[in-house]
Every structure is written in structure tokens, then in C-alpha cells.
Amino acid sequence: MVIKAKHHVYVIELSKDVLYESKFKKANPDYQSGQPCVYVGMTGLDPDLRFDKHKAGIQANKYAQEYGLQLLPELYEEYNPMPYEDAKYMEVDLAIRLREAGFGVWQA
């Protein structure tokens, strides 16, 4: 059986204004001032299309819709595309690694 590599992880840069959201702040107790705030997700769509859907409010995450500025492909392009199970794992792994680097991270 051939497993198709058609899923993607992606990272959206969020406005620093997201730091005023108590849930976001609480989820990032080790946030280092000056580091980016990001949303990490996975999708079966092209990341550009998924970003556009977030901004349009279609199956959108609140933080990605309200605070999303742009995609940060330098943080995820090397991993894409991949099979679904790998993308599920990579979404969590990438969020953990970015949080450990001091980023403010939201991963749904």
C-alpha cells in the first residue's frame, strides 16, 4: 500500500497583540520577549490556501484569524508534503520545538 504525502504543517506569524489574550499568555509561560508569536497547524490543503481560509473565517482558529500576519515558510517548508500521520506528529513536535526556543505558540 502506498501512503500519499499530501499533508502539510504550517506556521503563521501572529501579531504581538495576541499576548494580551489571557489564554494565549497562559499557554506560553516561558515566552521570551522579542521572539515571534505563531500558530502551528496541519492541513491537507496548500498552506497558502489554508492561511487564506483562516483569515476569511472558514474553519478558522481565533488567533490565526484575528492576529495572523503571514506564513513563515522557513520554519516548515522542509517537512512538506508528508503523510497524514506524519503531519499529525510533526504539528505537535514543531510546536514544542518552537515553544522551547522561546516562541509564543498556539497549536490547536
Protein backbone atom coordinates (compact mmCIF):
# COMPACT_ATOMS: atom_id res chain seq x y z
CA MET A 1 0.00 0.00 0.00
CA VAL A 2 1.32 3.40 -0.98
CA ILE A 3 0.77 6.20 1.54
CA LYS A 4 0.32 9.55 -0.16
CA ALA A 5 2.32 12.50 1.09
CA LYS A 6 -0.26 15.23 0.69
CA HIS A 7 -0.46 16.87 4.12
CA HIS A 8 1.40 19.91 5.33
CA VAL A 9 2.40 21.55 8.57
CA TYR A 10 2.43 25.33 8.52
CA VAL A 11 3.34 28.24 10.78
CA ILE A 12 1.54 31.59 10.84
CA GLU A 13 3.21 34.60 12.39
CA LEU A 14 0.84 36.30 14.83
CA SER A 15 0.76 39.93 15.84
CA LYS A 16 2.30 40.56 19.26
CA ASP A 17 -1.16 41.84 20.27
CA VAL A 18 -2.05 38.17 20.83
CA LEU A 19 -0.01 38.43 24.05
CA TYR A 20 -2.92 40.39 25.55
CA GLU A 21 -5.12 37.27 25.23
CA SER A 22 -5.06 35.56 28.63
CA LYS A 23 -5.43 32.02 27.22
CA PHE A 24 -2.51 32.58 24.85
CA LYS A 25 -0.36 34.11 27.59
CA LYS A 26 -1.20 31.26 29.99
CA ALA A 27 -0.23 28.66 27.36
CA ASN A 28 3.20 30.29 26.96
CA PRO A 29 4.68 30.87 30.44
CA ASP A 30 8.24 30.64 29.07
CA TYR A 31 7.72 33.09 26.20
CA GLN A 32 10.88 35.11 25.64
CA SER A 33 10.26 38.77 24.86
CA GLY A 34 11.24 39.61 21.29
CA GLN A 35 10.60 36.13 19.91
CA PRO A 36 7.78 35.64 17.39
CA CYS A 37 4.28 34.56 18.31
CA VAL A 38 2.97 31.86 15.99
CA TYR A 39 0.13 29.49 15.22
CA VAL A 40 1.18 25.96 14.18
CA GLY A 41 -1.25 23.83 12.20
CA MET A 42 -1.56 20.96 9.77
CA THR A 43 -3.69 20.67 6.66
CA GLY A 44 -4.43 18.63 3.59
CA LEU A 45 -4.54 21.90 1.65
CA ASP A 46 -1.75 24.10 0.36
CA PRO A 47 -0.60 26.21 3.35
CA ASP A 48 -1.30 29.45 1.42
CA LEU A 49 -4.91 28.40 0.84
CA ARG A 50 -5.28 27.31 4.49
CA PHE A 51 -3.96 30.70 5.66
CA ASP A 52 -6.49 32.46 3.42
CA LYS A 53 -9.29 30.34 4.92
CA HIS A 54 -8.21 31.24 8.46
CA LYS A 55 -8.27 34.94 7.58
CA ALA A 56 -11.69 34.58 5.92
CA GLY A 57 -13.12 32.87 9.00
CA ILE A 58 -13.59 29.49 7.27
CA GLN A 59 -12.82 26.70 9.78
CA ALA A 60 -10.64 29.34 11.38
CA ASN A 61 -8.68 29.37 14.58
CA LYS A 62 -9.48 32.54 16.55
CA TYR A 63 -5.84 33.57 16.92
CA ALA A 64 -4.94 32.81 13.30
CA GLN A 65 -7.97 34.77 12.08
CA GLU A 66 -7.61 37.82 14.34
CA TYR A 67 -3.84 38.07 14.68
CA GLY A 68 -2.41 36.20 11.67
CA LEU A 69 0.08 38.30 9.72
CA GLN A 70 1.81 35.94 7.30
CA LEU A 71 3.08 32.42 6.78
CA LEU A 72 6.64 31.66 7.93
CA PRO A 73 7.65 29.00 5.36
CA GLU A 74 11.25 28.99 6.53
CA LEU A 75 10.01 27.20 9.66
CA TYR A 76 8.11 24.39 7.91
CA GLU A 77 8.76 24.08 4.16
CA GLU A 78 11.46 21.42 4.53
CA TYR A 79 8.94 18.98 6.06
CA ASN A 80 6.20 19.20 3.42
CA PRO A 81 4.41 17.33 1.99
CA MET A 82 4.03 14.25 4.20
CA PRO A 83 1.52 11.52 5.02
CA TYR A 84 -1.34 12.38 7.40
CA GLU A 85 0.06 10.51 10.42
CA ASP A 86 3.45 12.19 10.00
CA ALA A 87 1.79 15.61 9.74
CA LYS A 88 -0.20 14.97 12.94
CA TYR A 89 3.05 14.16 14.75
CA MET A 90 5.05 16.98 13.15
CA GLU A 91 2.44 19.61 14.09
CA VAL A 92 2.88 18.79 17.79
CA ASP A 93 6.66 18.31 17.53
CA LEU A 94 7.20 21.60 15.71
CA ALA A 95 5.04 23.49 18.24
CA ILE A 96 7.05 22.01 21.11
CA ARG A 97 10.38 22.89 19.49
CA LEU A 98 9.30 26.48 18.77
CA ARG A 99 7.99 26.89 22.33
CA GLU A 100 11.32 25.56 23.66
CA ALA A 101 13.05 28.23 21.53
CA GLY A 102 11.07 30.91 23.38
CA PHE A 103 8.35 31.49 20.79
CA GLY A 104 4.77 32.20 21.81
CA VAL A 105 2.92 29.23 20.28
CA TRP A 106 -0.70 28.28 19.77
CA GLN A 107 -1.29 24.80 18.41
CA ALA A 108 -4.88 23.54 18.32
